[in-house]
Amino acid sequence: MADSLTDVFAGRLSTVLTWSRVDTQEVGSITDKKTLSASYTLADGSGAGAADITWADTRTIPANSVDVLDLLALTQTEFGVSVPCTIRQLRVVKVANNETTSGKVVLVGADETSPASVYAFAVGPGSEMLAINNTDSWVVTSSNNTLRIANPSSSSANYSIVLIGTATAAS
């Protein structure tokens, strides 16, 4: 585990969506042009808008399988050492489907008994989903500590995941 005297977390997440649509009429045209953006600063700590831990991985799910991630018992290699990673408040979830074959989805938030029928997000090939709960966080406890990513296809699927949160339980 990191030395708390020298471990300082700082993060910033920005999203930008820009579009332009021109509808040409018989006389002139109408343009719908917008930019929606948001920026989230994650300070070091465990309160609102704060984080102190990240976990990232690129993973392969076998055909017709579910990858079960226990947020209270993750491990990752940092600075060449395998370290435990316990997330008790989750603020950011990003899942990117690294596949390129049409129709090859990964299902985020899948139910273990019926993953192809019950899930939160279907992420298509070459796509990603990003969820942010910057103020309140998703509280992780021993009764809701699992994140399931399913692969309903008949061949393996690769995805990348980033989780950002705190190791401190919500008060």
C-alpha atoms as a PDB file:
ATOM      1  CA  MET A   1       0.000   0.000   0.000  1.00  0.00           C
ATOM      2  CA  ALA A   2       1.193   3.524  -0.707  1.00  0.00           C
ATOM      3  CA  ASP A   3       2.852   5.604   1.983  1.00  0.00           C
ATOM      4  CA  SER A   4       0.140   8.035   3.117  1.00  0.00           C
ATOM      5  CA  LEU A   5       2.732  10.741   3.838  1.00  0.00           C
ATOM      6  CA  THR A   6       3.817  10.924   0.207  1.00  0.00           C
ATOM      7  CA  ASP A   7       0.724   9.661  -1.649  1.00  0.00           C
ATOM      8  CA  VAL A   8      -1.240  12.576  -3.130  1.00  0.00           C
ATOM      9  CA  PHE A   9      -3.969  12.115  -5.713  1.00  0.00           C
ATOM     10  CA  ALA A  10      -4.954  14.779  -8.238  1.00  0.00           C
ATOM     11  CA  GLY A  11      -7.237  14.247 -11.192  1.00  0.00           C
ATOM     12  CA  ARG A  12      -9.276  16.081 -13.764  1.00  0.00           C
ATOM     13  CA  LEU A  13     -11.885  14.635 -16.071  1.00  0.00           C
ATOM     14  CA  SER A  14     -13.351  16.616 -18.959  1.00  0.00           C
ATOM     15  CA  THR A  15     -16.083  15.746 -21.401  1.00  0.00           C
ATOM     16  CA  VAL A  16     -16.893  17.620 -24.599  1.00  0.00           C
ATOM     17  CA  LEU A  17     -19.674  16.963 -27.084  1.00  0.00           C
ATOM     18  CA  THR A  18     -19.797  19.172 -30.169  1.00  0.00           C
ATOM     19  CA  TRP A  19     -22.166  18.942 -33.094  1.00  0.00           C
ATOM     20  CA  SER A  20     -23.282  20.885 -36.115  1.00  0.00           C
ATOM     21  CA  ARG A  21     -26.315  20.089 -38.234  1.00  0.00           C
ATOM     22  CA  VAL A  22     -27.301  22.167 -41.262  1.00  0.00           C
ATOM     23  CA  ASP A  23     -30.808  21.800 -42.642  1.00  0.00           C
ATOM     24  CA  THR A  24     -30.937  23.298 -46.105  1.00  0.00           C
ATOM     25  CA  GLN A  25     -34.312  24.828 -46.961  1.00  0.00           C
ATOM     26  CA  GLU A  26     -35.651  26.108 -50.277  1.00  0.00           C
ATOM     27  CA  VAL A  27     -34.642  29.562 -49.154  1.00  0.00           C
ATOM     28  CA  GLY A  28     -31.537  29.550 -46.943  1.00  0.00           C
ATOM     29  CA  SER A  29     -30.598  27.067 -44.269  1.00  0.00           C
ATOM     30  CA  ILE A  30     -30.923  26.501 -40.546  1.00  0.00           C
ATOM     31  CA  THR A  31     -27.888  25.551 -38.484  1.00  0.00           C
ATOM     32  CA  ASP A  32     -27.998  23.773 -35.137  1.00  0.00           C
ATOM     33  CA  LYS A  33     -24.541  24.041 -33.640  1.00  0.00           C
ATOM     34  CA  LYS A  34     -23.790  23.274 -30.016  1.00  0.00           C
ATOM     35  CA  THR A  35     -21.001  22.357 -27.633  1.00  0.00           C
ATOM     36  CA  LEU A  36     -21.734  20.778 -24.286  1.00  0.00           C
ATOM     37  CA  SER A  37     -18.836  20.362 -21.916  1.00  0.00           C
ATOM     38  CA  ALA A  38     -18.180  19.564 -18.303  1.00  0.00           C
ATOM     39  CA  SER A  39     -15.079  19.412 -16.190  1.00  0.00           C
ATOM     40  CA  TYR A  40     -14.603  17.544 -12.940  1.00  0.00           C
ATOM     41  CA  THR A  41     -11.677  18.102 -10.614  1.00  0.00           C
ATOM     42  CA  LEU A  42     -10.859  15.271  -8.247  1.00  0.00           C
ATOM     43  CA  ALA A  43      -8.934  16.494  -5.229  1.00  0.00           C
ATOM     44  CA  ASP A  44      -7.084  14.208  -2.858  1.00  0.00           C
ATOM     45  CA  GLY A  45      -9.327  12.855  -0.108  1.00  0.00           C
ATOM     46  CA  SER A  46     -12.586  11.024   0.468  1.00  0.00           C
ATOM     47  CA  GLY A  47     -15.288  13.716   0.489  1.00  0.00           C
ATOM     48  CA  ALA A  48     -17.401  15.099  -2.342  1.00  0.00           C
ATOM     49  CA  GLY A  49     -15.345  15.618  -5.493  1.00  0.00           C
ATOM     50  CA  ALA A  50     -12.386  13.749  -4.037  1.00  0.00           C
ATOM     51  CA  ALA A  51     -10.559  10.518  -4.759  1.00  0.00           C
ATOM     52  CA  ASP A  52      -7.454   8.760  -3.590  1.00  0.00           C
ATOM     53  CA  ILE A  53      -7.322   5.586  -5.650  1.00  0.00           C
ATOM     54  CA  THR A  54      -7.415   4.483  -9.273  1.00  0.00           C
ATOM     55  CA  TRP A  55      -7.589   1.030 -10.756  1.00  0.00           C
ATOM     56  CA  ALA A  56      -7.105   0.376 -14.469  1.00  0.00           C
ATOM     57  CA  ASP A  57      -6.746  -2.780 -16.529  1.00  0.00           C
ATOM     58  CA  THR A  58      -7.156  -4.243 -19.991  1.00  0.00           C
ATOM     59  CA  ARG A  59      -8.945  -7.561 -19.731  1.00  0.00           C
ATOM     60  CA  THR A  60     -10.207 -10.471 -21.824  1.00  0.00           C
ATOM     61  CA  ILE A  61     -13.553 -12.123 -21.142  1.00  0.00           C
ATOM     62  CA  PRO A  62     -13.970 -15.657 -22.520  1.00  0.00           C
ATOM     63  CA  ALA A  63     -16.969 -16.410 -24.749  1.00  0.00           C
ATOM     64  CA  ASN A  64     -20.356 -16.353 -23.013  1.00  0.00           C
ATOM     65  CA  SER A  65     -18.769 -15.410 -19.681  1.00  0.00           C
ATOM     66  CA  VAL A  66     -18.928 -12.777 -16.979  1.00  0.00           C
ATOM     67  CA  ASP A  67     -15.888 -10.963 -15.566  1.00  0.00           C
ATOM     68  CA  VAL A  68     -16.637 -10.376 -11.873  1.00  0.00           C
ATOM     69  CA  LEU A  69     -14.712  -7.534 -10.230  1.00  0.00           C
ATOM     70  CA  ASP A  70     -14.782  -7.361  -6.434  1.00  0.00           C
ATOM     71  CA  LEU A  71     -14.227  -3.662  -5.717  1.00  0.00           C
ATOM     72  CA  LEU A  72     -13.110  -4.474  -2.179  1.00  0.00           C
ATOM     73  CA  ALA A  73     -10.418  -6.933  -3.335  1.00  0.00           C
ATOM     74  CA  LEU A  74      -8.794  -5.666  -6.535  1.00  0.00           C
ATOM     75  CA  THR A  75      -5.047  -5.836  -7.171  1.00  0.00           C
ATOM     76  CA  GLN A  76      -2.857  -4.104  -9.709  1.00  0.00           C
ATOM     77  CA  THR A  77       0.781  -3.640 -10.471  1.00  0.00           C
ATOM     78  CA  GLU A  78       2.144  -0.196  -9.597  1.00  0.00           C
ATOM     79  CA  PHE A  79       5.808   0.693  -9.833  1.00  0.00           C
ATOM     80  CA  GLY A  80       6.574  -2.975 -10.503  1.00  0.00           C
ATOM     81  CA  VAL A  81       4.853  -4.234  -7.349  1.00  0.00           C
ATOM     82  CA  SER A  82       1.459  -5.948  -7.025  1.00  0.00           C
ATOM     83  CA  VAL A  83      -0.614  -3.870  -4.612  1.00  0.00           C
ATOM     84  CA  PRO A  84      -4.113  -4.304  -3.197  1.00  0.00           C
ATOM     85  CA  CYS A  85      -6.754  -1.832  -4.288  1.00  0.00           C
ATOM     86  CA  THR A  86      -9.884  -1.426  -2.173  1.00  0.00           C
ATOM     87  CA  ILE A  87     -12.551   0.930  -3.505  1.00  0.00           C
ATOM     88  CA  ARG A  88     -15.163   1.946  -0.911  1.00  0.00           C
ATOM     89  CA  GLN A  89     -16.575   4.950  -2.795  1.00  0.00           C
ATOM     90  CA  LEU A  90     -16.693   4.822  -6.587  1.00  0.00           C
ATOM     91  CA  ARG A  91     -16.707   8.135  -8.471  1.00  0.00           C
ATOM     92  CA  VAL A  92     -15.749   7.289 -12.072  1.00  0.00           C
ATOM     93  CA  VAL A  93     -16.298   4.187 -14.207  1.00  0.00           C
ATOM     94  CA  LYS A  94     -15.000   4.036 -17.771  1.00  0.00           C
ATOM     95  CA  VAL A  95     -15.332   0.886 -19.868  1.00  0.00           C
ATOM     96  CA  ALA A  96     -13.996   0.794 -23.435  1.00  0.00           C
ATOM     97  CA  ASN A  97     -14.818  -2.090 -25.761  1.00  0.00           C
ATOM     98  CA  ASN A  98     -11.556  -2.786 -27.627  1.00  0.00           C
ATOM     99  CA  GLU A  99     -13.198  -5.053 -30.207  1.00  0.00           C
ATOM    100  CA  THR A 100     -13.674  -4.048 -33.857  1.00  0.00           C
ATOM    101  CA  THR A 101     -16.142  -6.692 -35.044  1.00  0.00           C
ATOM    102  CA  SER A 102     -19.684  -5.371 -35.513  1.00  0.00           C
ATOM    103  CA  GLY A 103     -22.135  -6.690 -32.924  1.00  0.00           C
ATOM    104  CA  LYS A 104     -19.477  -7.742 -30.409  1.00  0.00           C
ATOM    105  CA  VAL A 105     -20.678  -5.970 -27.261  1.00  0.00           C
ATOM    106  CA  VAL A 106     -19.594  -6.024 -23.645  1.00  0.00           C
ATOM    107  CA  LEU A 107     -22.339  -5.625 -21.053  1.00  0.00           C
ATOM    108  CA  VAL A 108     -21.562  -3.432 -18.035  1.00  0.00           C
ATOM    109  CA  GLY A 109     -23.461  -4.053 -14.811  1.00  0.00           C
ATOM    110  CA  ALA A 110     -24.598  -7.488 -15.949  1.00  0.00           C
ATOM    111  CA  ASP A 111     -26.607  -9.839 -13.765  1.00  0.00           C
ATOM    112  CA  GLU A 112     -24.569 -12.967 -13.088  1.00  0.00           C
ATOM    113  CA  THR A 113     -27.507 -15.340 -13.635  1.00  0.00           C
ATOM    114  CA  SER A 114     -28.865 -13.682 -16.794  1.00  0.00           C
ATOM    115  CA  PRO A 115     -26.155 -11.368 -18.177  1.00  0.00           C
ATOM    116  CA  ALA A 116     -27.479 -11.130 -21.739  1.00  0.00           C
ATOM    117  CA  SER A 117     -30.918 -10.073 -20.469  1.00  0.00           C
ATOM    118  CA  VAL A 118     -30.173  -7.873 -17.457  1.00  0.00           C
ATOM    119  CA  TYR A 119     -27.417  -5.240 -17.608  1.00  0.00           C
ATOM    120  CA  ALA A 120     -26.921  -1.491 -17.177  1.00  0.00           C
ATOM    121  CA  PHE A 121     -25.029  -0.599 -20.399  1.00  0.00           C
ATOM    122  CA  ALA A 122     -24.219  -2.365 -23.663  1.00  0.00           C
ATOM    123  CA  VAL A 123     -20.930  -1.028 -25.034  1.00  0.00           C
ATOM    124  CA  GLY A 124     -20.476  -1.700 -28.736  1.00  0.00           C
ATOM    125  CA  PRO A 125     -17.177  -2.366 -30.505  1.00  0.00           C
ATOM    126  CA  GLY A 126     -14.854   0.619 -30.663  1.00  0.00           C
ATOM    127  CA  SER A 127     -17.037   2.442 -28.129  1.00  0.00           C
ATOM    128  CA  GLU A 128     -16.985   3.338 -24.472  1.00  0.00           C
ATOM    129  CA  MET A 129     -19.220   4.275 -21.577  1.00  0.00           C
ATOM    130  CA  LEU A 130     -18.302   6.779 -18.918  1.00  0.00           C
ATOM    131  CA  ALA A 131     -20.221   7.286 -15.686  1.00  0.00           C
ATOM    132  CA  ILE A 132     -19.372   9.983 -13.152  1.00  0.00           C
ATOM    133  CA  ASN A 133     -20.821  10.436  -9.675  1.00  0.00           C
ATOM    134  CA  ASN A 134     -18.528  13.193  -8.503  1.00  0.00           C
ATOM    135  CA  THR A 135     -20.481  14.598  -5.562  1.00  0.00           C
ATOM    136  CA  ASP A 136     -22.180  11.655  -3.860  1.00  0.00           C
ATOM    137  CA  SER A 137     -20.223   8.639  -5.183  1.00  0.00           C
ATOM    138  CA  TRP A 138     -21.529   5.099  -5.454  1.00  0.00           C
ATOM    139  CA  VAL A 139     -20.992   3.641  -2.003  1.00  0.00           C
ATOM    140  CA  VAL A 140     -19.328   0.216  -1.992  1.00  0.00           C
ATOM    141  CA  THR A 141     -20.120  -2.154   0.884  1.00  0.00           C
ATOM    142  CA  SER A 142     -19.726  -5.874   1.480  1.00  0.00           C
ATOM    143  CA  SER A 143     -23.255  -6.378   0.107  1.00  0.00           C
ATOM    144  CA  ASN A 144     -22.787  -4.340  -3.109  1.00  0.00           C
ATOM    145  CA  ASN A 145     -19.116  -4.705  -3.973  1.00  0.00           C
ATOM    146  CA  THR A 146     -19.292  -6.409  -7.364  1.00  0.00           C
ATOM    147  CA  LEU A 147     -19.080  -4.965 -10.854  1.00  0.00           C
ATOM    148  CA  ARG A 148     -19.838  -7.480 -13.593  1.00  0.00           C
ATOM    149  CA  ILE A 149     -18.794  -7.113 -17.228  1.00  0.00           C
ATOM    150  CA  ALA A 150     -20.287  -9.750 -19.523  1.00  0.00           C
ATOM    151  CA  ASN A 151     -19.433 -11.041 -22.969  1.00  0.00           C
ATOM    152  CA  PRO A 152     -22.483 -12.641 -24.598  1.00  0.00           C
ATOM    153  CA  SER A 153     -20.675 -13.512 -27.857  1.00  0.00           C
ATOM    154  CA  SER A 154     -19.309 -16.879 -28.961  1.00  0.00           C
ATOM    155  CA  SER A 155     -15.673 -15.702 -28.904  1.00  0.00           C
ATOM    156  CA  SER A 156     -13.551 -13.836 -26.371  1.00  0.00           C
ATOM    157  CA  ALA A 157     -13.834 -10.056 -26.001  1.00  0.00           C
ATOM    158  CA  ASN A 158     -11.253  -7.490 -24.889  1.00  0.00           C
ATOM    159  CA  TYR A 159     -12.047  -4.351 -22.943  1.00  0.00           C
ATOM    160  CA  SER A 160     -10.301  -1.669 -20.907  1.00  0.00           C
ATOM    161  CA  ILE A 161     -11.591  -0.363 -17.608  1.00  0.00           C
ATOM    162  CA  VAL A 162     -10.747   2.540 -15.312  1.00  0.00           C
ATOM    163  CA  LEU A 163     -12.218   2.938 -11.822  1.00  0.00           C
ATOM    164  CA  ILE A 164     -11.584   6.010  -9.676  1.00  0.00           C
ATOM    165  CA  GLY A 165     -12.733   6.375  -6.089  1.00  0.00           C
ATOM    166  CA  THR A 166     -11.655   6.343  -2.503  1.00  0.00           C
ATOM    167  CA  ALA A 167     -10.336   3.693  -0.145  1.00  0.00           C
ATOM    168  CA  THR A 168     -12.236   5.377   2.689  1.00  0.00           C
ATOM    169  CA  ALA A 169     -15.815   4.354   3.377  1.00  0.00           C
ATOM    170  CA  ALA A 170     -18.523   6.981   3.014  1.00  0.00           C
ATOM    171  CA  SER A 171     -19.493   8.662   6.264  1.00  0.00           C
END
